[in-house]
Amino acid sequence: MDVLRDASTADAHAQLVLAFQVLVACVAGGIVGLERELAGKRAGVRTHMLVAVASCLAVGVGLVVTDGNPSADPTRVMHGLLTGVGFIGAGAILTNVKGTSAGLTTAATVLLVAVLGATTAFGAPLLAVGGATLAVLLLRGLHWLERGLGALSMRHVPAQSVDDLDDLG
């Protein structure tokens, strides 16, 4: 039976590569976190950066310790990572429950930055930064589109229905 490598046996080059990947993951998480911070959400820059860094480290170390072991599956780290991030996302949703589904977008961005961190650790840092940039464009661009569509739809609502809508808020 093959024994997994100890992470301390990784050569300096592998450790430097992982350190660079962690830095890139931190930047990618920060890009998304800054958008959430500017939107006034509780999970902001620090939370998103930490999730991205943690996921990159978890996957990166998983790759290091399974290197050269044909029976090892480094993607198993992803399963545990995504389960843990699910708990963070649930917490973002549950702490905001007021009869509505508040916190879903923030939970989705926390999941996204975990995947961005893992993507970086798997060797695709440009894809991770591109994904973070696309996420910000989606979050900001769709927000403006939703606001425009909301204003447009309110023009077509009968006056007595608007009062009913205020009672729901």
N, C-alpha and C. Protein backbone atom coordinates (compact mmCIF):
# COMPACT_ATOMS: atom_id res chain seq x y z
N MET A 1 0.84 -1.17 0.00
CA MET A 1 0.00 0.00 0.00
C MET A 1 0.89 1.25 0.00
N ASP A 2 0.60 2.15 -0.93
CA ASP A 2 1.37 3.39 -1.01
C ASP A 2 1.02 4.30 0.15
N VAL A 3 2.02 4.97 0.63
CA VAL A 3 1.83 5.91 1.72
C VAL A 3 1.84 7.32 1.15
N LEU A 4 0.94 8.15 1.63
CA LEU A 4 0.90 9.53 1.16
C LEU A 4 2.15 10.27 1.63
N ARG A 5 2.59 11.21 0.80
CA ARG A 5 3.74 12.02 1.16
C ARG A 5 3.37 12.98 2.28
N ASP A 6 4.35 13.32 3.06
CA ASP A 6 4.19 14.36 4.06
C ASP A 6 4.41 15.69 3.33
N ALA A 7 3.62 16.70 3.63
CA ALA A 7 3.76 17.98 2.94
C ALA A 7 5.14 18.59 3.13
N SER A 8 5.81 18.25 4.21
CA SER A 8 7.15 18.80 4.45
C SER A 8 8.19 18.25 3.48
N THR A 9 7.85 17.18 2.77
CA THR A 9 8.80 16.62 1.81
C THR A 9 8.72 17.33 0.46
N ALA A 10 7.78 18.23 0.29
CA ALA A 10 7.68 18.97 -0.97
C ALA A 10 8.91 19.87 -1.12
N ASP A 11 9.46 19.90 -2.31
CA ASP A 11 10.64 20.72 -2.52
C ASP A 11 10.27 22.21 -2.47
N ALA A 12 11.29 23.03 -2.39
CA ALA A 12 11.07 24.47 -2.25
C ALA A 12 10.31 25.03 -3.45
N HIS A 13 10.57 24.53 -4.63
CA HIS A 13 9.88 25.02 -5.82
C HIS A 13 8.38 24.78 -5.73
N ALA A 14 8.00 23.57 -5.33
CA ALA A 14 6.57 23.25 -5.21
C ALA A 14 5.90 24.14 -4.16
N GLN A 15 6.61 24.40 -3.08
CA GLN A 15 6.06 25.26 -2.04
C GLN A 15 5.93 26.70 -2.52
N LEU A 16 6.91 27.18 -3.29
CA LEU A 16 6.82 28.53 -3.84
C LEU A 16 5.68 28.66 -4.84
N VAL A 17 5.50 27.63 -5.65
CA VAL A 17 4.39 27.64 -6.61
C VAL A 17 3.07 27.71 -5.86
N LEU A 18 2.92 26.91 -4.82
CA LEU A 18 1.69 26.93 -4.03
C LEU A 18 1.52 28.28 -3.34
N ALA A 19 2.58 28.86 -2.84
CA ALA A 19 2.49 30.18 -2.20
C ALA A 19 2.01 31.23 -3.21
N PHE A 20 2.52 31.17 -4.43
CA PHE A 20 2.06 32.10 -5.47
C PHE A 20 0.58 31.85 -5.79
N GLN A 21 0.21 30.59 -5.88
CA GLN A 21 -1.19 30.26 -6.15
C GLN A 21 -2.10 30.78 -5.04
N VAL A 22 -1.66 30.69 -3.81
CA VAL A 22 -2.44 31.20 -2.68
C VAL A 22 -2.60 32.71 -2.81
N LEU A 23 -1.54 33.39 -3.21
CA LEU A 23 -1.61 34.85 -3.40
C LEU A 23 -2.61 35.20 -4.50
N VAL A 24 -2.58 34.47 -5.60
CA VAL A 24 -3.52 34.71 -6.70
C VAL A 24 -4.95 34.43 -6.23
N ALA A 25 -5.15 33.35 -5.48
CA ALA A 25 -6.48 33.03 -4.95
C ALA A 25 -6.96 34.15 -4.03
N CYS A 26 -6.06 34.69 -3.24
CA CYS A 26 -6.40 35.79 -2.33
C CYS A 26 -6.87 37.00 -3.13
N VAL A 27 -6.18 37.31 -4.22
CA VAL A 27 -6.58 38.43 -5.08
C VAL A 27 -7.94 38.16 -5.71
N ALA A 28 -8.15 36.94 -6.22
CA ALA A 28 -9.43 36.60 -6.85
C ALA A 28 -10.57 36.70 -5.83
N GLY A 29 -10.35 36.18 -4.64
CA GLY A 29 -11.36 36.30 -3.59
C GLY A 29 -11.60 37.75 -3.20
N GLY A 30 -10.54 38.53 -3.18
CA GLY A 30 -10.65 39.94 -2.85
C GLY A 30 -11.45 40.73 -3.88
N ILE A 31 -11.32 40.37 -5.14
CA ILE A 31 -12.09 41.04 -6.19
C ILE A 31 -13.58 40.87 -5.94
N VAL A 32 -13.99 39.63 -5.68
CA VAL A 32 -15.41 39.36 -5.42
C VAL A 32 -15.82 39.96 -4.07
N GLY A 33 -14.98 39.83 -3.07
CA GLY A 33 -15.28 40.36 -1.74
C GLY A 33 -15.43 41.87 -1.73
N LEU A 34 -14.64 42.56 -2.54
CA LEU A 34 -14.75 44.01 -2.62
C LEU A 34 -16.12 44.41 -3.17
N GLU A 35 -16.60 43.69 -4.15
CA GLU A 35 -17.93 43.98 -4.69
C GLU A 35 -18.99 43.78 -3.60
N ARG A 36 -18.89 42.71 -2.84
CA ARG A 36 -19.85 42.44 -1.77
C ARG A 36 -19.75 43.52 -0.68
N GLU A 37 -18.53 43.94 -0.38
CA GLU A 37 -18.32 45.00 0.62
C GLU A 37 -18.96 46.30 0.16
N LEU A 38 -18.74 46.65 -1.10
CA LEU A 38 -19.31 47.89 -1.65
C LEU A 38 -20.84 47.81 -1.73
N ALA A 39 -21.37 46.59 -1.83
CA ALA A 39 -22.82 46.41 -1.85
C ALA A 39 -23.40 46.41 -0.43
N GLY A 40 -22.54 46.55 0.58
CA GLY A 40 -23.01 46.62 1.96
C GLY A 40 -23.35 45.28 2.57
N LYS A 41 -22.79 44.21 2.06
CA LYS A 41 -23.07 42.87 2.59
C LYS A 41 -22.12 42.55 3.74
N ARG A 42 -22.56 41.70 4.66
CA ARG A 42 -21.75 41.38 5.84
C ARG A 42 -20.53 40.54 5.49
N ALA A 43 -20.65 39.65 4.54
CA ALA A 43 -19.49 38.87 4.11
C ALA A 43 -18.78 39.69 3.04
N GLY A 44 -17.70 40.34 3.43
CA GLY A 44 -17.02 41.26 2.52
C GLY A 44 -15.66 40.76 2.09
N VAL A 45 -14.72 41.69 2.00
CA VAL A 45 -13.39 41.41 1.46
C VAL A 45 -12.68 40.32 2.26
N ARG A 46 -12.60 40.49 3.56
CA ARG A 46 -11.84 39.52 4.37
C ARG A 46 -12.41 38.12 4.29
N THR A 47 -13.72 38.00 4.40
CA THR A 47 -14.34 36.67 4.35
C THR A 47 -14.06 36.00 3.02
N HIS A 48 -14.27 36.71 1.95
CA HIS A 48 -14.07 36.11 0.63
C HIS A 48 -12.60 35.77 0.37
N MET A 49 -11.70 36.63 0.82
CA MET A 49 -10.26 36.33 0.67
C MET A 49 -9.88 35.09 1.47
N LEU A 50 -10.37 35.01 2.71
CA LEU A 50 -10.03 33.86 3.55
C LEU A 50 -10.57 32.55 2.98
N VAL A 51 -11.78 32.57 2.45
CA VAL A 51 -12.34 31.35 1.86
C VAL A 51 -11.52 30.93 0.64
N ALA A 52 -11.13 31.89 -0.19
CA ALA A 52 -10.33 31.58 -1.38
C ALA A 52 -8.96 31.03 -0.98
N VAL A 53 -8.32 31.65 0.00
CA VAL A 53 -7.01 31.19 0.46
C VAL A 53 -7.13 29.79 1.07
N ALA A 54 -8.13 29.58 1.91
CA ALA A 54 -8.30 28.27 2.55
C ALA A 54 -8.53 27.17 1.52
N SER A 55 -9.35 27.45 0.52
CA SER A 55 -9.62 26.42 -0.48
C SER A 55 -8.39 26.14 -1.32
N CYS A 56 -7.63 27.18 -1.65
CA CYS A 56 -6.41 26.98 -2.43
C CYS A 56 -5.40 26.16 -1.64
N LEU A 57 -5.24 26.50 -0.36
CA LEU A 57 -4.32 25.73 0.48
C LEU A 57 -4.76 24.27 0.63
N ALA A 58 -6.05 24.06 0.85
CA ALA A 58 -6.55 22.70 1.05
C ALA A 58 -6.30 21.86 -0.20
N VAL A 59 -6.65 22.40 -1.34
CA VAL A 59 -6.46 21.64 -2.59
C VAL A 59 -4.97 21.52 -2.91
N GLY A 60 -4.23 22.60 -2.72
CA GLY A 60 -2.79 22.57 -3.01
C GLY A 60 -2.04 21.57 -2.16
N VAL A 61 -2.30 21.56 -0.88
CA VAL A 61 -1.64 20.58 -0.01
C VAL A 61 -2.12 19.17 -0.36
N GLY A 62 -3.40 19.04 -0.69
CA GLY A 62 -3.90 17.73 -1.14
C GLY A 62 -3.16 17.22 -2.37
N LEU A 63 -2.87 18.13 -3.30
CA LEU A 63 -2.11 17.73 -4.48
C LEU A 63 -0.68 17.35 -4.13
N VAL A 64 -0.07 18.10 -3.21
CA VAL A 64 1.31 17.82 -2.81
C VAL A 64 1.41 16.45 -2.14
N VAL A 65 0.51 16.15 -1.21
CA VAL A 65 0.63 14.89 -0.47
C VAL A 65 0.20 13.68 -1.28
N THR A 66 -0.53 13.89 -2.35
CA THR A 66 -0.93 12.74 -3.19
C THR A 66 -0.06 12.60 -4.43
N ASP A 67 0.91 13.50 -4.61
CA ASP A 67 1.77 13.47 -5.79
C ASP A 67 2.50 12.15 -5.90
N GLY A 68 2.39 11.54 -7.05
CA GLY A 68 3.08 10.28 -7.30
C GLY A 68 2.36 9.06 -6.80
N ASN A 69 1.21 9.22 -6.18
CA ASN A 69 0.45 8.09 -5.68
C ASN A 69 -0.68 7.81 -6.66
N PRO A 70 -0.57 6.76 -7.46
CA PRO A 70 -1.58 6.50 -8.48
C PRO A 70 -2.96 6.15 -7.92
N SER A 71 -3.01 5.70 -6.67
CA SER A 71 -4.31 5.34 -6.09
C SER A 71 -4.98 6.53 -5.39
N ALA A 72 -4.27 7.64 -5.27
CA ALA A 72 -4.83 8.80 -4.58
C ALA A 72 -5.68 9.62 -5.54
N ASP A 73 -6.70 10.25 -5.00
CA ASP A 73 -7.59 11.09 -5.79
C ASP A 73 -7.63 12.47 -5.15
N PRO A 74 -6.84 13.42 -5.69
CA PRO A 74 -6.79 14.75 -5.08
C PRO A 74 -8.12 15.52 -5.16
N THR A 75 -9.02 15.08 -6.01
CA THR A 75 -10.31 15.77 -6.10
C THR A 75 -11.19 15.48 -4.88
N ARG A 76 -10.82 14.49 -4.08
CA ARG A 76 -11.59 14.21 -2.86
C ARG A 76 -11.53 15.38 -1.89
N VAL A 77 -10.43 16.14 -1.95
CA VAL A 77 -10.33 17.33 -1.10
C VAL A 77 -11.45 18.29 -1.46
N MET A 78 -11.79 18.37 -2.74
CA MET A 78 -12.86 19.26 -3.19
C MET A 78 -14.20 18.90 -2.55
N HIS A 79 -14.45 17.63 -2.39
CA HIS A 79 -15.71 17.20 -1.78
C HIS A 79 -15.85 17.74 -0.36
N GLY A 80 -14.81 17.56 0.42
CA GLY A 80 -14.82 18.08 1.79
C GLY A 80 -14.87 19.60 1.82
N LEU A 81 -14.14 20.21 0.94
CA LEU A 81 -14.11 21.67 0.87
C LEU A 81 -15.50 22.23 0.57
N LEU A 82 -16.15 21.68 -0.42
CA LEU A 82 -17.47 22.18 -0.80
C LEU A 82 -18.51 21.92 0.28
N THR A 83 -18.35 20.84 1.02
CA THR A 83 -19.25 20.58 2.14
C THR A 83 -19.07 21.65 3.22
N GLY A 84 -17.83 21.96 3.54
CA GLY A 84 -17.57 23.00 4.54
C GLY A 84 -18.06 24.36 4.10
N VAL A 85 -17.87 24.68 2.85
CA VAL A 85 -18.33 25.97 2.33
C VAL A 85 -19.85 26.02 2.34
N GLY A 86 -20.49 24.88 2.16
CA GLY A 86 -21.95 24.83 2.24
C GLY A 86 -22.45 25.28 3.60
N PHE A 87 -21.73 24.92 4.66
CA PHE A 87 -22.10 25.37 6.00
C PHE A 87 -21.96 26.88 6.14
N ILE A 88 -20.90 27.44 5.58
CA ILE A 88 -20.71 28.89 5.62
C ILE A 88 -21.85 29.57 4.86
N GLY A 89 -22.17 29.04 3.69
CA GLY A 89 -23.25 29.61 2.89
C GLY A 89 -24.59 29.53 3.60
N ALA A 90 -24.84 28.40 4.25
CA ALA A 90 -26.09 28.26 5.01
C ALA A 90 -26.15 29.28 6.13
N GLY A 91 -25.03 29.52 6.78
CA GLY A 91 -24.99 30.52 7.83
C GLY A 91 -25.26 31.91 7.30
N ALA A 92 -24.76 32.20 6.11
CA ALA A 92 -25.03 33.52 5.50
C ALA A 92 -26.51 33.69 5.21
N ILE A 93 -27.17 32.61 4.89
CA ILE A 93 -28.61 32.68 4.58
C ILE A 93 -29.42 32.68 5.87
N LEU A 94 -29.15 31.76 6.77
CA LEU A 94 -29.95 31.62 7.98
C LEU A 94 -29.89 32.83 8.90
N THR A 95 -28.76 33.51 8.97
CA THR A 95 -28.67 34.65 9.87
C THR A 95 -29.44 35.85 9.35
N ASN A 96 -29.90 35.78 8.11
CA ASN A 96 -30.61 36.90 7.52
C ASN A 96 -32.09 36.60 7.30
N VAL A 97 -32.58 35.48 7.78
CA VAL A 97 -33.95 35.09 7.47
C VAL A 97 -34.95 36.03 8.12
N LYS A 98 -35.79 36.63 7.27
CA LYS A 98 -36.86 37.51 7.73
C LYS A 98 -38.10 37.21 6.92
N GLY A 99 -38.28 35.95 6.62
CA GLY A 99 -39.41 35.57 5.78
C GLY A 99 -39.10 35.68 4.31
N THR A 100 -37.87 36.07 3.98
CA THR A 100 -37.45 36.16 2.58
C THR A 100 -36.17 35.36 2.42
N SER A 101 -35.70 35.28 1.21
CA SER A 101 -34.49 34.51 0.93
C SER A 101 -33.27 35.43 0.87
N ALA A 102 -33.03 36.21 1.89
CA ALA A 102 -31.88 37.10 1.95
C ALA A 102 -30.61 36.30 2.15
N GLY A 103 -29.54 36.74 1.52
CA GLY A 103 -28.24 36.11 1.70
C GLY A 103 -27.88 35.08 0.66
N LEU A 104 -28.76 34.78 -0.26
CA LEU A 104 -28.46 33.75 -1.27
C LEU A 104 -27.31 34.16 -2.18
N THR A 105 -27.28 35.41 -2.59
CA THR A 105 -26.21 35.84 -3.49
C THR A 105 -24.88 35.82 -2.77
N THR A 106 -24.84 36.25 -1.52
CA THR A 106 -23.60 36.21 -0.77
C THR A 106 -23.15 34.76 -0.57
N ALA A 107 -24.07 33.87 -0.27
CA ALA A 107 -23.72 32.45 -0.13
C ALA A 107 -23.15 31.92 -1.44
N ALA A 108 -23.73 32.34 -2.55
CA ALA A 108 -23.23 31.90 -3.86
C ALA A 108 -21.83 32.44 -4.13
N THR A 109 -21.56 33.69 -3.70
CA THR A 109 -20.22 34.23 -3.92
C THR A 109 -19.18 33.56 -3.03
N VAL A 110 -19.58 33.14 -1.84
CA VAL A 110 -18.65 32.41 -0.97
C VAL A 110 -18.31 31.07 -1.62
N LEU A 111 -19.30 30.39 -2.17
CA LEU A 111 -19.04 29.15 -2.90
C LEU A 111 -18.14 29.42 -4.10
N LEU A 112 -18.42 30.50 -4.80
CA LEU A 112 -17.62 30.85 -5.98
C LEU A 112 -16.16 31.05 -5.62
N VAL A 113 -15.87 31.81 -4.56
CA VAL A 113 -14.47 32.06 -4.24
C VAL A 113 -13.77 30.80 -3.76
N ALA A 114 -14.50 29.88 -3.17
CA ALA A 114 -13.89 28.58 -2.82
C ALA A 114 -13.48 27.85 -4.09
N VAL A 115 -14.32 27.87 -5.07
CA VAL A 115 -13.99 27.22 -6.35
C VAL A 115 -12.86 27.97 -7.04
N LEU A 116 -12.85 29.30 -6.95
CA LEU A 116 -11.75 30.07 -7.54
C LEU A 116 -10.42 29.71 -6.89
N GLY A 117 -10.43 29.54 -5.57
CA GLY A 117 -9.21 29.13 -4.88
C GLY A 117 -8.75 27.75 -5.32
N ALA A 118 -9.69 26.84 -5.45
CA ALA A 118 -9.36 25.49 -5.91
C ALA A 118 -8.86 25.51 -7.35
N THR A 119 -9.49 26.32 -8.17
CA THR A 119 -9.07 26.45 -9.57
C THR A 119 -7.62 26.92 -9.64
N THR A 120 -7.27 27.87 -8.79
CA THR A 120 -5.90 28.35 -8.74
C THR A 120 -4.95 27.23 -8.33
N ALA A 121 -5.32 26.48 -7.31
CA ALA A 121 -4.46 25.38 -6.84
C ALA A 121 -4.30 24.29 -7.89
N PHE A 122 -5.31 24.08 -8.71
CA PHE A 122 -5.20 23.09 -9.77
C PHE A 122 -4.41 23.60 -10.96
N GLY A 123 -3.90 24.83 -10.87
CA GLY A 123 -2.98 25.33 -11.89
C GLY A 123 -3.58 26.25 -12.93
N ALA A 124 -4.72 26.85 -12.66
CA ALA A 124 -5.34 27.75 -13.62
C ALA A 124 -5.61 29.12 -12.99
N PRO A 125 -4.55 29.84 -12.59
CA PRO A 125 -4.75 31.12 -11.91
C PRO A 125 -5.41 32.18 -12.79
N LEU A 126 -5.11 32.18 -14.08
CA LEU A 126 -5.75 33.16 -14.96
C LEU A 126 -7.25 32.91 -15.06
N LEU A 127 -7.63 31.65 -15.08
CA LEU A 127 -9.04 31.30 -15.10
C LEU A 127 -9.73 31.77 -13.81
N ALA A 128 -9.05 31.65 -12.69
CA ALA A 128 -9.61 32.09 -11.41
C ALA A 128 -9.81 33.60 -11.39
N VAL A 129 -8.81 34.36 -11.81
CA VAL A 129 -8.95 35.82 -11.83
C VAL A 129 -10.01 36.23 -12.85
N GLY A 130 -10.04 35.53 -13.99
CA GLY A 130 -11.09 35.80 -14.98
C GLY A 130 -12.47 35.49 -14.43
N GLY A 131 -12.60 34.42 -13.69
CA GLY A 131 -13.88 34.06 -13.08
C GLY A 131 -14.32 35.09 -12.05
N ALA A 132 -13.37 35.61 -11.28
CA ALA A 132 -13.69 36.65 -10.29
C ALA A 132 -14.15 37.92 -10.99
N THR A 133 -13.46 38.27 -12.06
CA THR A 133 -13.84 39.47 -12.82
C THR A 133 -15.22 39.31 -13.43
N LEU A 134 -15.49 38.15 -14.00
CA LEU A 134 -16.81 37.88 -14.57
C LEU A 134 -17.89 37.95 -13.50
N ALA A 135 -17.59 37.41 -12.32
CA ALA A 135 -18.56 37.44 -11.23
C ALA A 135 -18.92 38.88 -10.85
N VAL A 136 -17.91 39.75 -10.76
CA VAL A 136 -18.19 41.15 -10.42
C VAL A 136 -19.01 41.81 -11.53
N LEU A 137 -18.68 41.51 -12.77
CA LEU A 137 -19.47 42.07 -13.87
C LEU A 137 -20.92 41.59 -13.80
N LEU A 138 -21.11 40.33 -13.47
CA LEU A 138 -22.46 39.79 -13.33
C LEU A 138 -23.19 40.43 -12.15
N LEU A 139 -22.52 40.50 -11.01
CA LEU A 139 -23.15 41.06 -9.81
C LEU A 139 -23.54 42.52 -10.02
N ARG A 140 -22.66 43.30 -10.60
CA ARG A 140 -22.93 44.72 -10.81
C ARG A 140 -23.86 44.92 -12.00
N GLY A 141 -23.58 44.26 -13.11
CA GLY A 141 -24.37 44.44 -14.33
C GLY A 141 -25.80 43.95 -14.18
N LEU A 142 -25.98 42.79 -13.60
CA LEU A 142 -27.33 42.26 -13.41
C LEU A 142 -28.09 43.04 -12.36
N HIS A 143 -27.39 43.61 -11.39
CA HIS A 143 -28.05 44.45 -10.39
C HIS A 143 -28.70 45.65 -11.08
N TRP A 144 -27.97 46.28 -11.97
CA TRP A 144 -28.52 47.43 -12.69
C TRP A 144 -29.66 46.99 -13.60
N LEU A 145 -29.51 45.83 -14.23
CA LEU A 145 -30.57 45.31 -15.10
C LEU A 145 -31.83 45.00 -14.28
N GLU A 146 -31.66 44.34 -13.12
CA GLU A 146 -32.81 44.03 -12.26
C GLU A 146 -33.51 45.30 -11.79
N ARG A 147 -32.72 46.30 -11.42
CA ARG A 147 -33.30 47.56 -10.97
C ARG A 147 -34.10 48.22 -12.11
N GLY A 148 -33.54 48.18 -13.32
CA GLY A 148 -34.25 48.74 -14.47
C GLY A 148 -35.52 47.99 -14.79
N LEU A 149 -35.45 46.67 -14.73
CA LEU A 149 -36.65 45.86 -14.99
C LEU A 149 -37.69 46.05 -13.90
N GLY A 150 -37.24 46.22 -12.66
CA GLY A 150 -38.17 46.46 -11.56
C GLY A 150 -38.91 47.77 -11.73
N ALA A 151 -38.18 48.80 -12.14
CA ALA A 151 -38.81 50.10 -12.37
C ALA A 151 -39.77 50.03 -13.54
N LEU A 152 -39.39 49.29 -14.56
CA LEU A 152 -40.25 49.13 -15.73
C LEU A 152 -41.52 48.38 -15.37
N SER A 153 -41.40 47.32 -14.57
CA SER A 153 -42.58 46.53 -14.22
C SER A 153 -43.50 47.31 -13.28
N MET A 154 -42.95 48.19 -12.43
CA MET A 154 -43.77 48.99 -11.52
C MET A 154 -44.65 49.97 -12.28
N ARG A 155 -44.25 50.37 -13.48
CA ARG A 155 -45.04 51.28 -14.29
C ARG A 155 -46.33 50.63 -14.77
N HIS A 156 -46.31 49.30 -14.84
CA HIS A 156 -47.44 48.57 -15.37
C HIS A 156 -48.32 47.94 -14.29
N VAL A 157 -48.05 48.24 -13.03
CA VAL A 157 -48.83 47.70 -11.92
C VAL A 157 -49.93 48.70 -11.59
N PRO A 158 -51.18 48.25 -11.47
CA PRO A 158 -52.27 49.17 -11.10
C PRO A 158 -51.99 49.82 -9.75
N ALA A 159 -52.49 51.03 -9.55
CA ALA A 159 -52.20 51.83 -8.36
C ALA A 159 -52.56 51.12 -7.06
N GLN A 160 -53.71 50.44 -6.99
CA GLN A 160 -54.08 49.78 -5.74
C GLN A 160 -53.14 48.61 -5.43
N SER A 161 -52.54 48.00 -6.42
CA SER A 161 -51.62 46.89 -6.19
C SER A 161 -50.31 47.37 -5.58
N VAL A 162 -49.89 48.59 -5.88
CA VAL A 162 -48.65 49.12 -5.31
C VAL A 162 -48.76 49.20 -3.80
N ASP A 163 -49.92 49.62 -3.27
CA ASP A 163 -50.12 49.66 -1.82
C ASP A 163 -50.02 48.27 -1.21
N ASP A 164 -50.56 47.27 -1.92
CA ASP A 164 -50.47 45.90 -1.45
C ASP A 164 -49.02 45.44 -1.41
N LEU A 165 -48.23 45.85 -2.39
CA LEU A 165 -46.82 45.47 -2.42
C LEU A 165 -46.06 46.08 -1.25
N ASP A 166 -46.40 47.30 -0.86
CA ASP A 166 -45.72 47.94 0.28
C ASP A 166 -45.95 47.15 1.56
N ASP A 167 -47.11 46.56 1.71
CA ASP A 167 -47.41 45.77 2.91
C ASP A 167 -46.55 44.53 2.99
N LEU A 168 -46.10 44.01 1.84
CA LEU A 168 -45.27 42.80 1.83
C LEU A 168 -43.86 43.06 2.29
N GLY A 169 -43.32 44.26 2.07
CA GLY A 169 -41.92 44.59 2.36
C GLY A 169 -41.62 44.56 3.79
